[in-house]
Each structure stands twice: as structure tokens, then as C-alpha cells.
Amino acid sequence: MIVARRCFVSGRVQGVFYRGTTRDQAREYGVTGYARNLPDGRVEVHAEGDLAAVNALCEWLWIGPPSARVTAVVCEKIEPMGHTDFAAA
């Protein structure tokens, strides 16, 4: 069963290669979707895939790359959109 989550990551998450490392981690887990910067300084992550893989990525979002300082991750259940890869937009 494919599930999807939209997560908003706050803290020092722009300009520290957060989107790129999220893409790499998502691909390692077999998760599709995207990560993109938002104008307010957060990163939005859309994740689709197997429940265990999506949950693992959502947990990893708290870690991020070494230069990141994550202060909050808020995830919500959404409908899958049929992504076939993970992009760092």
C-alpha cells in the first residue's frame, strides 16, 4: 500500500544542502516525491511510498545534513500523487 505525507521542516534548513541530502535519503529508502524551499525559510517535503519507508524518511527529516539545525517537523497525511522519482526542487 502506498502512503503519502507532506512535511514542513523548520530551523536552519536552507542553504545547508538539506533538499539534496533529503533527495539522496529518500532514494535510498525507495521514497518518491520532492523537497523544496519555501519563502518563509522552511522546507516542504512530499514523500510517497511504502509506509515503513515513508515513516523512516519522516524520522530522518529531524536529522538532515550535518550543517542543518532542525527545530520542528510537522507532517500530515495526504493522498498519493503518483510521483516516480524524488526531486530536490
N, C-alpha and C. Protein backbone atom coordinates (compact mmCIF):
# COMPACT_ATOMS: atom_id res chain seq x y z
N MET A 1 0.84 -1.18 0.00
CA MET A 1 0.00 0.00 0.00
C MET A 1 0.89 1.25 0.00
N ILE A 2 0.60 2.16 -0.88
CA ILE A 2 1.35 3.42 -1.00
C ILE A 2 0.69 4.47 -0.12
N VAL A 3 1.51 5.16 0.68
CA VAL A 3 1.02 6.25 1.52
C VAL A 3 1.78 7.52 1.14
N ALA A 4 1.26 8.66 1.57
CA ALA A 4 1.93 9.92 1.28
C ALA A 4 1.85 10.84 2.49
N ARG A 5 2.90 11.64 2.67
CA ARG A 5 2.97 12.63 3.75
C ARG A 5 3.52 13.93 3.18
N ARG A 6 2.99 15.04 3.68
CA ARG A 6 3.56 16.36 3.40
C ARG A 6 4.13 16.85 4.72
N CYS A 7 5.41 17.17 4.71
CA CYS A 7 6.08 17.62 5.94
C CYS A 7 6.65 19.01 5.74
N PHE A 8 6.61 19.78 6.80
CA PHE A 8 7.20 21.11 6.81
C PHE A 8 8.30 21.10 7.86
N VAL A 9 9.52 21.40 7.42
CA VAL A 9 10.70 21.33 8.28
C VAL A 9 11.18 22.74 8.56
N SER A 10 11.31 23.07 9.85
CA SER A 10 11.74 24.41 10.28
C SER A 10 13.11 24.35 10.92
N GLY A 11 13.75 25.51 10.97
CA GLY A 11 15.07 25.64 11.58
C GLY A 11 16.04 26.17 10.54
N ARG A 12 17.30 25.84 10.72
CA ARG A 12 18.32 26.20 9.72
C ARG A 12 18.36 25.08 8.69
N VAL A 13 17.47 25.18 7.70
CA VAL A 13 17.32 24.10 6.73
C VAL A 13 17.46 24.58 5.28
N GLN A 14 17.74 25.86 5.08
CA GLN A 14 18.01 26.35 3.73
C GLN A 14 19.47 26.79 3.67
N GLY A 15 20.09 26.51 2.53
CA GLY A 15 21.49 26.87 2.35
C GLY A 15 22.46 25.90 3.02
N VAL A 16 21.97 24.73 3.42
CA VAL A 16 22.83 23.73 4.09
C VAL A 16 22.74 22.37 3.39
N PHE A 17 22.27 22.35 2.14
CA PHE A 17 22.12 21.14 1.33
C PHE A 17 21.07 20.20 1.91
N TYR A 18 20.07 20.77 2.56
CA TYR A 18 19.01 19.94 3.15
C TYR A 18 18.19 19.22 2.07
N ARG A 19 17.79 19.93 1.03
CA ARG A 19 16.98 19.30 -0.02
C ARG A 19 17.75 18.19 -0.73
N GLY A 20 19.02 18.42 -1.02
CA GLY A 20 19.82 17.42 -1.71
C GLY A 20 20.03 16.16 -0.90
N THR A 21 20.31 16.32 0.38
CA THR A 21 20.50 15.13 1.22
C THR A 21 19.17 14.43 1.48
N THR A 22 18.07 15.20 1.52
CA THR A 22 16.76 14.57 1.66
C THR A 22 16.46 13.73 0.42
N ARG A 23 16.78 14.26 -0.77
CA ARG A 23 16.60 13.50 -2.01
C ARG A 23 17.40 12.20 -1.96
N ASP A 24 18.66 12.30 -1.56
CA ASP A 24 19.51 11.11 -1.51
C ASP A 24 18.96 10.08 -0.52
N GLN A 25 18.52 10.55 0.64
CA GLN A 25 17.98 9.64 1.65
C GLN A 25 16.67 9.02 1.16
N ALA A 26 15.81 9.82 0.54
CA ALA A 26 14.53 9.30 0.03
C ALA A 26 14.78 8.22 -1.02
N ARG A 27 15.71 8.46 -1.92
CA ARG A 27 16.01 7.46 -2.95
C ARG A 27 16.55 6.19 -2.32
N GLU A 28 17.35 6.33 -1.27
CA GLU A 28 17.88 5.15 -0.57
C GLU A 28 16.74 4.32 0.03
N TYR A 29 15.72 5.00 0.55
CA TYR A 29 14.55 4.32 1.15
C TYR A 29 13.54 3.85 0.09
N GLY A 30 13.69 4.30 -1.15
CA GLY A 30 12.71 3.96 -2.18
C GLY A 30 11.47 4.84 -2.13
N VAL A 31 11.62 6.05 -1.61
CA VAL A 31 10.52 7.00 -1.48
C VAL A 31 10.56 7.99 -2.64
N THR A 32 9.40 8.33 -3.18
CA THR A 32 9.31 9.31 -4.24
C THR A 32 8.68 10.60 -3.72
N GLY A 33 8.77 11.68 -4.52
CA GLY A 33 8.18 12.96 -4.12
C GLY A 33 9.13 14.10 -4.41
N TYR A 34 9.21 15.05 -3.47
CA TYR A 34 10.08 16.21 -3.68
C TYR A 34 10.38 16.90 -2.36
N ALA A 35 11.42 17.73 -2.40
CA ALA A 35 11.74 18.65 -1.30
C ALA A 35 11.96 20.01 -1.95
N ARG A 36 11.33 21.05 -1.39
CA ARG A 36 11.51 22.39 -1.95
C ARG A 36 11.55 23.43 -0.85
N ASN A 37 12.33 24.49 -1.11
CA ASN A 37 12.40 25.61 -0.18
C ASN A 37 11.11 26.41 -0.24
N LEU A 38 10.69 26.93 0.90
CA LEU A 38 9.55 27.83 0.97
C LEU A 38 10.05 29.24 1.28
N PRO A 39 9.30 30.26 0.87
CA PRO A 39 9.74 31.64 1.09
C PRO A 39 9.93 32.01 2.57
N ASP A 40 9.26 31.29 3.48
CA ASP A 40 9.37 31.62 4.90
C ASP A 40 10.55 30.95 5.59
N GLY A 41 11.43 30.27 4.82
CA GLY A 41 12.63 29.65 5.38
C GLY A 41 12.48 28.18 5.71
N ARG A 42 11.28 27.63 5.60
CA ARG A 42 11.08 26.21 5.84
C ARG A 42 11.36 25.42 4.56
N VAL A 43 11.42 24.10 4.71
CA VAL A 43 11.49 23.20 3.57
C VAL A 43 10.23 22.33 3.61
N GLU A 44 9.57 22.22 2.45
CA GLU A 44 8.42 21.34 2.31
C GLU A 44 8.89 20.04 1.68
N VAL A 45 8.49 18.91 2.27
CA VAL A 45 8.85 17.60 1.75
C VAL A 45 7.57 16.82 1.49
N HIS A 46 7.43 16.34 0.27
CA HIS A 46 6.32 15.46 -0.11
C HIS A 46 6.93 14.08 -0.29
N ALA A 47 6.44 13.10 0.47
CA ALA A 47 7.01 11.75 0.44
C ALA A 47 5.92 10.73 0.16
N GLU A 48 6.19 9.83 -0.80
CA GLU A 48 5.26 8.76 -1.15
C GLU A 48 6.01 7.44 -1.20
N GLY A 49 5.34 6.38 -0.76
CA GLY A 49 5.93 5.06 -0.84
C GLY A 49 5.34 4.13 0.20
N ASP A 50 6.05 3.06 0.43
CA ASP A 50 5.68 2.08 1.45
C ASP A 50 5.64 2.77 2.81
N LEU A 51 4.69 2.39 3.66
CA LEU A 51 4.52 3.04 4.96
C LEU A 51 5.81 3.07 5.78
N ALA A 52 6.51 1.95 5.86
CA ALA A 52 7.73 1.90 6.67
C ALA A 52 8.80 2.84 6.11
N ALA A 53 8.92 2.90 4.78
CA ALA A 53 9.92 3.77 4.15
C ALA A 53 9.58 5.24 4.34
N VAL A 54 8.32 5.59 4.19
CA VAL A 54 7.90 6.98 4.38
C VAL A 54 8.11 7.38 5.84
N ASN A 55 7.75 6.51 6.76
CA ASN A 55 7.96 6.81 8.18
C ASN A 55 9.44 6.99 8.50
N ALA A 56 10.29 6.16 7.89
CA ALA A 56 11.74 6.28 8.11
C ALA A 56 12.25 7.63 7.61
N LEU A 57 11.77 8.06 6.43
CA LEU A 57 12.19 9.36 5.91
C LEU A 57 11.69 10.49 6.81
N CYS A 58 10.46 10.39 7.27
CA CYS A 58 9.92 11.43 8.16
C CYS A 58 10.74 11.54 9.45
N GLU A 59 11.21 10.43 9.96
CA GLU A 59 12.08 10.46 11.14
C GLU A 59 13.43 11.08 10.79
N TRP A 60 13.97 10.73 9.62
CA TRP A 60 15.26 11.25 9.19
C TRP A 60 15.21 12.77 9.02
N LEU A 61 14.06 13.33 8.67
CA LEU A 61 13.95 14.78 8.48
C LEU A 61 14.39 15.55 9.72
N TRP A 62 14.28 14.95 10.89
CA TRP A 62 14.75 15.59 12.13
C TRP A 62 16.27 15.69 12.18
N ILE A 63 16.94 14.86 11.40
CA ILE A 63 18.41 14.82 11.42
C ILE A 63 18.99 15.74 10.35
N GLY A 64 18.66 15.46 9.07
CA GLY A 64 19.16 16.27 7.97
C GLY A 64 20.68 16.20 7.84
N PRO A 65 21.25 17.07 7.02
CA PRO A 65 22.70 17.08 6.85
C PRO A 65 23.38 17.69 8.07
N PRO A 66 24.69 17.50 8.20
CA PRO A 66 25.41 17.98 9.39
C PRO A 66 25.25 19.47 9.69
N SER A 67 25.14 20.32 8.68
CA SER A 67 25.04 21.76 8.91
C SER A 67 23.63 22.23 9.28
N ALA A 68 22.65 21.38 9.13
CA ALA A 68 21.26 21.76 9.44
C ALA A 68 21.03 21.77 10.94
N ARG A 69 20.10 22.60 11.36
CA ARG A 69 19.65 22.64 12.75
C ARG A 69 18.13 22.62 12.72
N VAL A 70 17.55 21.43 12.78
CA VAL A 70 16.10 21.27 12.67
C VAL A 70 15.45 21.56 14.02
N THR A 71 14.45 22.43 14.00
CA THR A 71 13.74 22.77 15.23
C THR A 71 12.32 22.20 15.26
N ALA A 72 11.76 21.86 14.10
CA ALA A 72 10.41 21.30 14.06
C ALA A 72 10.20 20.57 12.74
N VAL A 73 9.46 19.48 12.82
CA VAL A 73 8.99 18.75 11.64
C VAL A 73 7.52 18.45 11.87
N VAL A 74 6.67 18.97 11.00
CA VAL A 74 5.23 18.74 11.10
C VAL A 74 4.80 18.02 9.83
N CYS A 75 4.26 16.80 10.00
CA CYS A 75 3.83 16.00 8.85
C CYS A 75 2.33 15.76 8.90
N GLU A 76 1.74 15.70 7.71
CA GLU A 76 0.32 15.42 7.60
C GLU A 76 0.09 14.36 6.54
N LYS A 77 -0.93 13.55 6.73
CA LYS A 77 -1.29 12.55 5.73
C LYS A 77 -1.97 13.24 4.55
N ILE A 78 -1.56 12.85 3.35
CA ILE A 78 -2.18 13.36 2.13
C ILE A 78 -2.37 12.19 1.16
N GLU A 79 -3.08 12.45 0.09
CA GLU A 79 -3.28 11.42 -0.94
C GLU A 79 -2.04 11.33 -1.82
N PRO A 80 -1.62 10.12 -2.19
CA PRO A 80 -0.50 9.96 -3.11
C PRO A 80 -0.80 10.63 -4.45
N MET A 81 0.23 11.18 -5.07
CA MET A 81 0.08 11.87 -6.35
C MET A 81 0.73 11.10 -7.49
N GLY A 82 1.35 9.96 -7.21
CA GLY A 82 1.92 9.14 -8.25
C GLY A 82 3.30 9.54 -8.71
N HIS A 83 4.09 10.15 -7.85
CA HIS A 83 5.45 10.53 -8.21
C HIS A 83 6.25 9.26 -8.54
N THR A 84 7.20 9.39 -9.47
CA THR A 84 8.01 8.26 -9.88
C THR A 84 9.47 8.38 -9.47
N ASP A 85 9.87 9.54 -8.95
CA ASP A 85 11.24 9.79 -8.51
C ASP A 85 11.16 10.81 -7.37
N PHE A 86 12.29 11.12 -6.78
CA PHE A 86 12.34 12.15 -5.75
C PHE A 86 13.19 13.30 -6.27
N ALA A 87 12.63 14.50 -6.26
CA ALA A 87 13.32 15.68 -6.79
C ALA A 87 13.61 16.68 -5.69
N ALA A 88 14.74 17.35 -5.80
CA ALA A 88 15.07 18.47 -4.92
C ALA A 88 14.81 19.73 -5.73
N ALA A 89 13.60 20.22 -5.65
CA ALA A 89 13.18 21.35 -6.49
C ALA A 89 13.67 22.67 -5.93
